[in-house]
């Protein structure tokens, strides 16, 4: 076993840990495990990207609200996303109808 591990570039302890973890699994189970691990990594990256997007949007909203959003004719919803009043509509009406400033990218 020592020679095989050396050729593979792993320690015997690693081999026995892998054997203990994966020894009872068949090829289809190992393939499914690998697929789930890849999907999990993809989802983690997606969550990280969305969290970063949310953080950047919150910064923009914070800076916009500090600059005085009412002066530009806009308002902010309870959820923190900016909405703009169409011509002739009061701010309260726009908040109720929730008209977005721009379509989300995606």
N, C-alpha and C. Protein backbone atom coordinates (compact mmCIF):
# COMPACT_ATOMS: atom_id res chain seq x y z
N UNK A 1 0.82 -1.19 0.00
CA UNK A 1 0.00 0.00 0.00
C UNK A 1 0.86 1.26 0.00
N UNK A 2 1.96 1.19 0.69
CA UNK A 2 2.86 2.34 0.80
C UNK A 2 3.35 2.78 -0.58
N UNK A 3 3.69 1.81 -1.44
CA UNK A 3 4.19 2.13 -2.77
C UNK A 3 3.12 2.77 -3.65
N UNK A 4 1.89 2.27 -3.56
CA UNK A 4 0.78 2.83 -4.33
C UNK A 4 0.51 4.27 -3.90
N UNK A 5 0.49 4.51 -2.62
CA UNK A 5 0.26 5.87 -2.11
C UNK A 5 1.36 6.82 -2.56
N UNK A 6 2.59 6.35 -2.55
CA UNK A 6 3.71 7.18 -2.99
C UNK A 6 3.57 7.53 -4.47
N UNK A 7 3.17 6.57 -5.30
CA UNK A 7 2.96 6.80 -6.73
C UNK A 7 1.82 7.78 -6.97
N UNK A 8 0.80 7.71 -6.13
CA UNK A 8 -0.35 8.62 -6.26
C UNK A 8 -0.06 10.00 -5.66
N UNK A 9 0.98 10.09 -4.86
CA UNK A 9 1.35 11.37 -4.25
C UNK A 9 0.50 11.72 -3.04
N UNK A 10 0.02 10.70 -2.34
CA UNK A 10 -0.78 10.92 -1.13
C UNK A 10 -0.19 10.11 0.02
N UNK A 11 -0.54 10.50 1.23
CA UNK A 11 -0.06 9.75 2.39
C UNK A 11 -0.99 8.56 2.62
N UNK A 12 -0.48 7.61 3.37
CA UNK A 12 -1.31 6.44 3.71
C UNK A 12 -2.51 6.86 4.55
N UNK A 13 -2.31 7.84 5.40
CA UNK A 13 -3.42 8.33 6.23
C UNK A 13 -4.53 8.88 5.35
N UNK A 14 -4.15 9.62 4.31
CA UNK A 14 -5.15 10.16 3.37
C UNK A 14 -5.89 9.03 2.68
N UNK A 15 -5.14 8.03 2.23
CA UNK A 15 -5.77 6.89 1.58
C UNK A 15 -6.80 6.23 2.48
N UNK A 16 -6.44 5.99 3.73
CA UNK A 16 -7.37 5.31 4.63
C UNK A 16 -8.56 6.19 4.99
N UNK A 17 -8.33 7.50 5.07
CA UNK A 17 -9.46 8.42 5.30
C UNK A 17 -10.44 8.37 4.12
N UNK A 18 -9.90 8.38 2.89
CA UNK A 18 -10.74 8.30 1.71
C UNK A 18 -11.47 6.97 1.64
N UNK A 19 -10.75 5.91 1.99
CA UNK A 19 -11.36 4.57 1.96
C UNK A 19 -12.52 4.50 2.96
N UNK A 20 -12.32 5.08 4.13
CA UNK A 20 -13.36 5.09 5.15
C UNK A 20 -14.57 5.91 4.69
N UNK A 21 -14.29 7.04 4.03
CA UNK A 21 -15.36 7.94 3.61
C UNK A 21 -16.10 7.43 2.37
N UNK A 22 -15.36 6.93 1.38
CA UNK A 22 -15.95 6.58 0.10
C UNK A 22 -15.95 5.08 -0.20
N UNK A 23 -15.39 4.27 0.68
CA UNK A 23 -15.22 2.84 0.40
C UNK A 23 -16.50 2.09 0.11
N UNK A 24 -17.60 2.43 0.73
CA UNK A 24 -18.85 1.71 0.53
C UNK A 24 -19.70 2.23 -0.61
N UNK A 25 -19.22 3.24 -1.31
CA UNK A 25 -20.02 3.84 -2.38
C UNK A 25 -19.71 3.20 -3.73
N UNK A 26 -20.75 3.11 -4.53
CA UNK A 26 -20.58 2.63 -5.90
C UNK A 26 -20.26 3.79 -6.83
N UNK A 27 -20.02 3.48 -8.09
CA UNK A 27 -19.65 4.48 -9.07
C UNK A 27 -20.75 5.53 -9.23
N UNK A 28 -22.01 5.11 -9.29
CA UNK A 28 -23.11 6.07 -9.46
C UNK A 28 -23.26 6.97 -8.25
N UNK A 29 -23.05 6.40 -7.06
CA UNK A 29 -23.13 7.22 -5.85
C UNK A 29 -22.01 8.25 -5.79
N UNK A 30 -20.80 7.82 -6.19
CA UNK A 30 -19.67 8.76 -6.21
C UNK A 30 -19.90 9.86 -7.25
N UNK A 31 -20.45 9.48 -8.40
CA UNK A 31 -20.74 10.46 -9.44
C UNK A 31 -21.77 11.47 -8.94
N UNK A 32 -22.81 10.97 -8.28
CA UNK A 32 -23.85 11.85 -7.74
C UNK A 32 -23.28 12.77 -6.66
N UNK A 33 -22.41 12.24 -5.81
CA UNK A 33 -21.77 13.05 -4.78
C UNK A 33 -20.96 14.18 -5.41
N UNK A 34 -20.21 13.84 -6.44
CA UNK A 34 -19.40 14.85 -7.15
C UNK A 34 -20.30 15.92 -7.77
N UNK A 35 -21.40 15.48 -8.38
CA UNK A 35 -22.35 16.41 -8.99
C UNK A 35 -22.94 17.35 -7.94
N UNK A 36 -23.30 16.82 -6.80
CA UNK A 36 -23.86 17.64 -5.73
C UNK A 36 -22.83 18.63 -5.18
N UNK A 37 -21.58 18.19 -5.07
CA UNK A 37 -20.53 19.09 -4.60
C UNK A 37 -20.32 20.23 -5.58
N UNK A 38 -20.34 19.93 -6.88
CA UNK A 38 -20.19 20.98 -7.90
C UNK A 38 -21.36 21.95 -7.86
N UNK A 39 -22.57 21.41 -7.71
CA UNK A 39 -23.76 22.26 -7.63
C UNK A 39 -23.69 23.15 -6.39
N UNK A 40 -23.23 22.59 -5.30
CA UNK A 40 -23.09 23.34 -4.05
C UNK A 40 -22.11 24.50 -4.23
N UNK A 41 -20.98 24.25 -4.89
CA UNK A 41 -20.01 25.31 -5.14
C UNK A 41 -20.60 26.41 -6.02
N UNK A 42 -21.34 26.00 -7.03
CA UNK A 42 -21.99 26.97 -7.91
C UNK A 42 -22.98 27.83 -7.13
N UNK A 43 -23.77 27.21 -6.29
CA UNK A 43 -24.75 27.95 -5.50
C UNK A 43 -24.07 28.88 -4.50
N UNK A 44 -22.96 28.45 -3.93
CA UNK A 44 -22.21 29.31 -3.01
C UNK A 44 -21.69 30.55 -3.73
N UNK A 45 -21.18 30.36 -4.96
CA UNK A 45 -20.72 31.51 -5.74
C UNK A 45 -21.88 32.44 -6.07
N UNK A 46 -23.03 31.86 -6.40
CA UNK A 46 -24.21 32.66 -6.71
C UNK A 46 -24.65 33.48 -5.50
N UNK A 47 -24.67 32.87 -4.34
CA UNK A 47 -25.04 33.59 -3.11
C UNK A 47 -24.04 34.71 -2.83
N UNK A 48 -22.76 34.43 -3.03
CA UNK A 48 -21.74 35.46 -2.81
C UNK A 48 -21.93 36.63 -3.76
N UNK A 49 -22.20 36.33 -5.04
CA UNK A 49 -22.43 37.39 -6.02
C UNK A 49 -23.65 38.22 -5.67
N UNK A 50 -24.73 37.54 -5.29
CA UNK A 50 -25.96 38.26 -4.94
C UNK A 50 -25.77 39.09 -3.67
N UNK A 51 -25.02 38.57 -2.72
CA UNK A 51 -24.76 39.33 -1.50
C UNK A 51 -23.95 40.58 -1.81
N UNK A 52 -22.98 40.44 -2.70
CA UNK A 52 -22.19 41.60 -3.11
C UNK A 52 -23.05 42.62 -3.84
N UNK A 53 -23.91 42.14 -4.74
CA UNK A 53 -24.84 43.05 -5.44
C UNK A 53 -25.72 43.79 -4.45
N UNK A 54 -26.24 43.07 -3.48
CA UNK A 54 -27.11 43.69 -2.48
C UNK A 54 -26.35 44.75 -1.69
N UNK A 55 -25.13 44.44 -1.32
CA UNK A 55 -24.33 45.39 -0.56
C UNK A 55 -24.06 46.65 -1.38
N UNK A 56 -23.74 46.47 -2.67
CA UNK A 56 -23.47 47.63 -3.52
C UNK A 56 -24.74 48.47 -3.70
N UNK A 57 -25.89 47.82 -3.88
CA UNK A 57 -27.15 48.56 -4.03
C UNK A 57 -27.50 49.32 -2.76
N UNK A 58 -27.23 48.71 -1.61
CA UNK A 58 -27.51 49.40 -0.35
C UNK A 58 -26.63 50.63 -0.19
N UNK A 59 -25.38 50.54 -0.66
CA UNK A 59 -24.49 51.71 -0.62
C UNK A 59 -25.02 52.82 -1.52
N UNK A 60 -25.48 52.46 -2.71
CA UNK A 60 -26.03 53.45 -3.64
C UNK A 60 -27.26 54.10 -3.03
N UNK A 61 -28.12 53.30 -2.44
CA UNK A 61 -29.34 53.83 -1.83
C UNK A 61 -28.98 54.76 -0.67
N UNK A 62 -28.01 54.35 0.12
CA UNK A 62 -27.60 55.17 1.26
C UNK A 62 -27.07 56.52 0.77
N UNK A 63 -26.22 56.49 -0.25
CA UNK A 63 -25.66 57.73 -0.78
C UNK A 63 -26.75 58.59 -1.42
N UNK A 64 -27.68 57.94 -2.13
CA UNK A 64 -28.77 58.68 -2.77
C UNK A 64 -29.69 59.32 -1.73
N UNK A 65 -29.97 58.59 -0.67
CA UNK A 65 -30.87 59.14 0.34
C UNK A 65 -30.19 60.27 1.10
N UNK A 66 -28.90 60.19 1.27
CA UNK A 66 -28.16 61.27 1.93
C UNK A 66 -28.14 62.52 1.06
N UNK A 67 -28.14 62.33 -0.25
CA UNK A 67 -28.12 63.46 -1.18
C UNK A 67 -29.50 64.10 -1.30
N UNK A 68 -30.52 63.42 -0.83
CA UNK A 68 -31.86 63.97 -0.86
C UNK A 68 -32.66 63.48 -2.05
N UNK A 69 -33.22 62.32 -1.93
CA UNK A 69 -33.95 61.72 -3.03
C UNK A 69 -35.22 62.50 -3.37
N UNK A 70 -35.79 63.17 -2.42
CA UNK A 70 -37.02 63.92 -2.69
C UNK A 70 -36.77 65.09 -3.63
N UNK A 71 -35.56 65.64 -3.61
CA UNK A 71 -35.24 66.76 -4.50
C UNK A 71 -35.24 66.34 -5.96
N UNK A 72 -34.97 65.07 -6.23
CA UNK A 72 -34.95 64.59 -7.61
C UNK A 72 -36.30 64.05 -8.06
N UNK A 73 -37.30 64.09 -7.20
CA UNK A 73 -38.63 63.61 -7.56
C UNK A 73 -38.83 62.14 -7.29
N UNK A 74 -37.85 61.47 -6.73
CA UNK A 74 -37.95 60.05 -6.45
C UNK A 74 -38.31 59.78 -5.02
N UNK A 75 -38.54 58.55 -4.73
CA UNK A 75 -38.83 58.12 -3.37
C UNK A 75 -38.25 56.74 -3.16
N UNK A 76 -38.27 56.26 -1.96
CA UNK A 76 -37.76 54.93 -1.66
C UNK A 76 -38.87 54.09 -1.07
N UNK A 77 -38.91 52.84 -1.50
CA UNK A 77 -39.93 51.94 -0.97
C UNK A 77 -39.50 51.46 0.41
N UNK A 78 -40.40 50.78 1.07
CA UNK A 78 -40.08 50.24 2.38
C UNK A 78 -38.96 49.22 2.28
N UNK A 79 -38.84 48.54 1.14
CA UNK A 79 -37.79 47.56 0.92
C UNK A 79 -36.44 48.17 0.61
N UNK A 80 -36.37 49.47 0.41
CA UNK A 80 -35.11 50.14 0.18
C UNK A 80 -34.75 50.31 -1.27
N UNK A 81 -35.59 49.86 -2.22
CA UNK A 81 -35.29 50.04 -3.64
C UNK A 81 -35.91 51.32 -4.14
N UNK A 82 -35.19 52.08 -4.98
CA UNK A 82 -35.69 53.37 -5.43
C UNK A 82 -36.83 53.24 -6.44
N UNK A 83 -37.78 54.15 -6.33
CA UNK A 83 -38.90 54.24 -7.27
C UNK A 83 -39.06 55.69 -7.66
N UNK A 84 -39.48 55.93 -8.87
CA UNK A 84 -39.64 57.30 -9.35
C UNK A 84 -41.09 57.57 -9.66
N UNK A 85 -41.51 58.80 -9.37
CA UNK A 85 -42.88 59.21 -9.65
C UNK A 85 -43.03 59.54 -11.12
N UNK A 86 -44.03 58.97 -11.80
CA UNK A 86 -44.29 59.40 -13.17
C UNK A 86 -44.89 60.80 -13.15
N UNK A 87 -44.86 61.47 -14.29
CA UNK A 87 -45.39 62.84 -14.37
C UNK A 87 -46.82 62.89 -13.90
N UNK A 88 -47.15 63.84 -13.05
CA UNK A 88 -48.51 64.04 -12.57
C UNK A 88 -48.92 63.14 -11.41
N UNK A 89 -48.06 62.25 -10.95
CA UNK A 89 -48.43 61.36 -9.85
C UNK A 89 -47.71 61.81 -8.59
N UNK A 90 -48.44 61.84 -7.50
CA UNK A 90 -47.85 62.23 -6.22
C UNK A 90 -46.93 61.12 -5.71
N UNK A 91 -46.01 61.50 -4.84
CA UNK A 91 -45.05 60.54 -4.28
C UNK A 91 -45.76 59.39 -3.58
N UNK A 92 -46.82 59.66 -2.82
CA UNK A 92 -47.55 58.61 -2.12
C UNK A 92 -48.17 57.62 -3.09
N UNK A 93 -48.68 58.12 -4.25
CA UNK A 93 -49.27 57.23 -5.25
C UNK A 93 -48.20 56.34 -5.87
N UNK A 94 -47.04 56.90 -6.13
CA UNK A 94 -45.94 56.12 -6.72
C UNK A 94 -45.50 55.03 -5.77
N UNK A 95 -45.42 55.34 -4.48
CA UNK A 95 -45.03 54.35 -3.49
C UNK A 95 -46.03 53.20 -3.47
N UNK A 96 -47.31 53.53 -3.56
CA UNK A 96 -48.34 52.51 -3.54
C UNK A 96 -48.27 51.64 -4.80
N UNK A 97 -48.02 52.22 -5.96
CA UNK A 97 -47.96 51.47 -7.22
C UNK A 97 -46.59 50.86 -7.49
N UNK A 98 -45.56 51.31 -6.78
CA UNK A 98 -44.20 50.79 -6.87
C UNK A 98 -43.70 50.71 -8.30
N UNK A 99 -43.50 51.85 -8.90
CA UNK A 99 -42.99 51.92 -10.26
C UNK A 99 -41.46 51.95 -10.22
N UNK A 100 -40.79 50.95 -10.80
CA UNK A 100 -39.32 50.89 -10.71
C UNK A 100 -38.65 51.94 -11.60
N UNK A 101 -37.45 52.39 -11.18
CA UNK A 101 -36.67 53.34 -11.97
C UNK A 101 -36.15 52.67 -13.24
N UNK A 102 -35.68 51.44 -13.14
CA UNK A 102 -35.11 50.74 -14.30
C UNK A 102 -35.40 49.25 -14.17
N UNK A 103 -35.39 48.57 -15.30
CA UNK A 103 -35.57 47.13 -15.30
C UNK A 103 -34.31 46.48 -14.76
N UNK A 104 -34.44 45.44 -13.92
CA UNK A 104 -33.25 44.77 -13.39
C UNK A 104 -32.52 44.02 -14.49
N UNK A 105 -31.19 44.04 -14.41
CA UNK A 105 -30.37 43.32 -15.39
C UNK A 105 -30.47 41.83 -15.10
N UNK A 106 -30.48 41.04 -16.13
CA UNK A 106 -30.50 39.61 -15.84
C UNK A 106 -30.93 38.84 -16.94
